[in-house]
C-alpha atoms as a PDB file:
ATOM      1  CA  UNK A   1      -5.149   8.997 -14.215  1.00  0.00           C
ATOM      2  CA  UNK A   2      -3.199   6.608 -16.399  1.00  0.00           C
ATOM      3  CA  UNK A   3      -4.189   3.455 -14.463  1.00  0.00           C
ATOM      4  CA  UNK A   4      -6.535   2.675 -11.590  1.00  0.00           C
ATOM      5  CA  UNK A   5      -6.774  -0.564  -9.635  1.00  0.00           C
ATOM      6  CA  UNK A   6      -9.605  -1.152  -7.156  1.00  0.00           C
ATOM      7  CA  UNK A   7      -9.760  -3.180  -3.973  1.00  0.00           C
ATOM      8  CA  UNK A   8      -6.048  -4.087  -3.898  1.00  0.00           C
ATOM      9  CA  UNK A   9      -4.976  -6.092  -0.865  1.00  0.00           C
ATOM     10  CA  UNK A  10      -1.762  -5.110   0.884  1.00  0.00           C
ATOM     11  CA  UNK A  11       0.520  -7.056   3.183  1.00  0.00           C
ATOM     12  CA  UNK A  12       0.214  -5.818   6.783  1.00  0.00           C
ATOM     13  CA  UNK A  13       3.263  -7.028   8.760  1.00  0.00           C
ATOM     14  CA  UNK A  14       2.002  -5.774  12.126  1.00  0.00           C
ATOM     15  CA  UNK A  15      -1.655  -6.343  12.942  1.00  0.00           C
ATOM     16  CA  UNK A  16      -1.664  -3.516  15.524  1.00  0.00           C
ATOM     17  CA  UNK A  17      -1.732  -1.130  12.534  1.00  0.00           C
ATOM     18  CA  UNK A  18      -5.436  -1.963  12.290  1.00  0.00           C
ATOM     19  CA  UNK A  19      -6.043  -0.206  15.614  1.00  0.00           C
ATOM     20  CA  UNK A  20      -4.565   3.121  14.511  1.00  0.00           C
ATOM     21  CA  UNK A  21      -7.190   5.896  14.307  1.00  0.00           C
ATOM     22  CA  UNK A  22      -5.887   7.093  10.923  1.00  0.00           C
ATOM     23  CA  UNK A  23      -6.253   3.674   9.256  1.00  0.00           C
ATOM     24  CA  UNK A  24      -9.842   4.089   8.084  1.00  0.00           C
ATOM     25  CA  UNK A  25     -11.715   3.974   4.782  1.00  0.00           C
ATOM     26  CA  UNK A  26     -11.088   7.164   2.854  1.00  0.00           C
ATOM     27  CA  UNK A  27      -7.614   7.748   4.295  1.00  0.00           C
ATOM     28  CA  UNK A  28      -5.081   8.810   1.662  1.00  0.00           C
ATOM     29  CA  UNK A  29      -2.000   6.619   1.324  1.00  0.00           C
ATOM     30  CA  UNK A  30       1.299   7.255  -0.413  1.00  0.00           C
ATOM     31  CA  UNK A  31       4.058   4.901  -1.473  1.00  0.00           C
ATOM     32  CA  UNK A  32       7.747   4.749  -0.611  1.00  0.00           C
ATOM     33  CA  UNK A  33      10.437   2.499  -2.027  1.00  0.00           C
ATOM     34  CA  UNK A  34      12.485   0.527   0.503  1.00  0.00           C
ATOM     35  CA  UNK A  35      15.624  -0.685  -1.304  1.00  0.00           C
ATOM     36  CA  UNK A  36      17.191  -1.478   2.086  1.00  0.00           C
ATOM     37  CA  UNK A  37      14.375  -3.938   2.933  1.00  0.00           C
ATOM     38  CA  UNK A  38      16.061  -7.232   3.841  1.00  0.00           C
ATOM     39  CA  UNK A  39      13.185  -9.343   2.481  1.00  0.00           C
ATOM     40  CA  UNK A  40      12.718  -7.565  -0.856  1.00  0.00           C
ATOM     41  CA  UNK A  41      14.968  -4.810  -2.235  1.00  0.00           C
ATOM     42  CA  UNK A  42      12.094  -3.762  -4.547  1.00  0.00           C
ATOM     43  CA  UNK A  43       9.655  -3.392  -1.621  1.00  0.00           C
ATOM     44  CA  UNK A  44       7.107  -0.576  -1.856  1.00  0.00           C
ATOM     45  CA  UNK A  45       5.720   0.539   1.495  1.00  0.00           C
ATOM     46  CA  UNK A  46       2.170   1.840   1.851  1.00  0.00           C
ATOM     47  CA  UNK A  47       2.329   4.922   4.069  1.00  0.00           C
ATOM     48  CA  UNK A  48      -0.049   7.250   5.914  1.00  0.00           C
ATOM     49  CA  UNK A  49       1.735  10.458   6.850  1.00  0.00           C
ATOM     50  CA  UNK A  50       5.210   9.170   7.616  1.00  0.00           C
ATOM     51  CA  UNK A  51       4.151   5.820   9.082  1.00  0.00           C
ATOM     52  CA  UNK A  52       4.201   2.567   7.151  1.00  0.00           C
ATOM     53  CA  UNK A  53       1.012   0.514   7.334  1.00  0.00           C
ATOM     54  CA  UNK A  54       1.962  -2.248   4.928  1.00  0.00           C
ATOM     55  CA  UNK A  55       3.444  -3.198   1.576  1.00  0.00           C
ATOM     56  CA  UNK A  56       2.355  -3.830  -1.985  1.00  0.00           C
ATOM     57  CA  UNK A  57       2.679  -7.493  -2.822  1.00  0.00           C
ATOM     58  CA  UNK A  58       5.399  -8.585  -5.241  1.00  0.00           C
ATOM     59  CA  UNK A  59       4.256  -8.653  -8.830  1.00  0.00           C
ATOM     60  CA  UNK A  60       2.789  -6.353 -11.446  1.00  0.00           C
ATOM     61  CA  UNK A  61       1.578  -3.560  -9.141  1.00  0.00           C
ATOM     62  CA  UNK A  62       4.811  -3.467  -7.153  1.00  0.00           C
ATOM     63  CA  UNK A  63       6.786  -3.331 -10.412  1.00  0.00           C
ATOM     64  CA  UNK A  64       4.552  -0.550 -11.774  1.00  0.00           C
ATOM     65  CA  UNK A  65       4.840   1.473  -8.559  1.00  0.00           C
ATOM     66  CA  UNK A  66       8.633   1.188  -8.629  1.00  0.00           C
ATOM     67  CA  UNK A  67       8.741   2.267 -12.282  1.00  0.00           C
ATOM     68  CA  UNK A  68       6.426   5.246 -11.673  1.00  0.00           C
ATOM     69  CA  UNK A  69       8.306   6.396  -8.563  1.00  0.00           C
ATOM     70  CA  UNK A  70      11.684   6.082 -10.292  1.00  0.00           C
ATOM     71  CA  UNK A  71      10.438   8.224 -13.196  1.00  0.00           C
ATOM     72  CA  UNK A  72       9.089  10.832 -10.806  1.00  0.00           C
ATOM     73  CA  UNK A  73       5.463  10.157 -11.724  1.00  0.00           C
ATOM     74  CA  UNK A  74       2.787  10.129  -9.051  1.00  0.00           C
ATOM     75  CA  UNK A  75       1.405   7.012  -7.387  1.00  0.00           C
ATOM     76  CA  UNK A  76      -1.334   7.537  -4.820  1.00  0.00           C
ATOM     77  CA  UNK A  77      -4.152   5.669  -3.205  1.00  0.00           C
ATOM     78  CA  UNK A  78      -6.821   5.555  -0.572  1.00  0.00           C
ATOM     79  CA  UNK A  79      -8.054   2.948   1.844  1.00  0.00           C
ATOM     80  CA  UNK A  80     -11.379   1.461   0.810  1.00  0.00           C
ATOM     81  CA  UNK A  81     -11.759  -1.220   3.464  1.00  0.00           C
ATOM     82  CA  UNK A  82     -10.346  -2.141   6.855  1.00  0.00           C
ATOM     83  CA  UNK A  83     -11.443  -5.511   8.223  1.00  0.00           C
ATOM     84  CA  UNK A  84      -9.721  -6.440  11.474  1.00  0.00           C
ATOM     85  CA  UNK A  85     -11.906  -9.540  11.882  1.00  0.00           C
ATOM     86  CA  UNK A  86     -10.584 -11.559   8.934  1.00  0.00           C
ATOM     87  CA  UNK A  87      -8.869 -14.841   9.760  1.00  0.00           C
ATOM     88  CA  UNK A  88      -5.535 -13.791   8.263  1.00  0.00           C
ATOM     89  CA  UNK A  89      -5.412 -10.042   8.872  1.00  0.00           C
ATOM     90  CA  UNK A  90      -1.973  -9.677   7.339  1.00  0.00           C
ATOM     91  CA  UNK A  91      -3.284 -10.577   3.894  1.00  0.00           C
ATOM     92  CA  UNK A  92      -6.842  -9.304   3.807  1.00  0.00           C
ATOM     93  CA  UNK A  93      -7.325  -6.628   6.431  1.00  0.00           C
ATOM     94  CA  UNK A  94      -6.635  -3.511   4.358  1.00  0.00           C
ATOM     95  CA  UNK A  95      -7.778  -2.933   0.791  1.00  0.00           C
ATOM     96  CA  UNK A  96      -6.831   0.146  -1.196  1.00  0.00           C
ATOM     97  CA  UNK A  97      -7.611   1.816  -4.494  1.00  0.00           C
ATOM     98  CA  UNK A  98      -4.369   2.495  -6.322  1.00  0.00           C
ATOM     99  CA  UNK A  99      -3.855   5.337  -8.836  1.00  0.00           C
ATOM    100  CA  UNK A 100      -1.016   5.908 -11.305  1.00  0.00           C
ATOM    101  CA  UNK A 101      -0.726   9.418 -12.786  1.00  0.00           C
ATOM    102  CA  UNK A 102       1.412  10.555 -15.706  1.00  0.00           C
END
């Protein structure tokens, strides 16, 4: 592991994601670039299986994930917390640990 970030919040555009049975602590997530995203052409989706559950926020971690993916290096993660009761679920409902491998 080259870098590890703990308890990273992700943007959850659709709150119904929180009701999916696979969105639980311990679930492994992967990351997919979305250059066609109309809001952000550098968007990095957080994915379980083939289904998007959210996005990395713009900034350092999104930039790092894009760089790693473009180089062919591995970016992975796991869900550490799912809190459907927070007041703004889109910002605070899912937290992940994020790993960058060289």
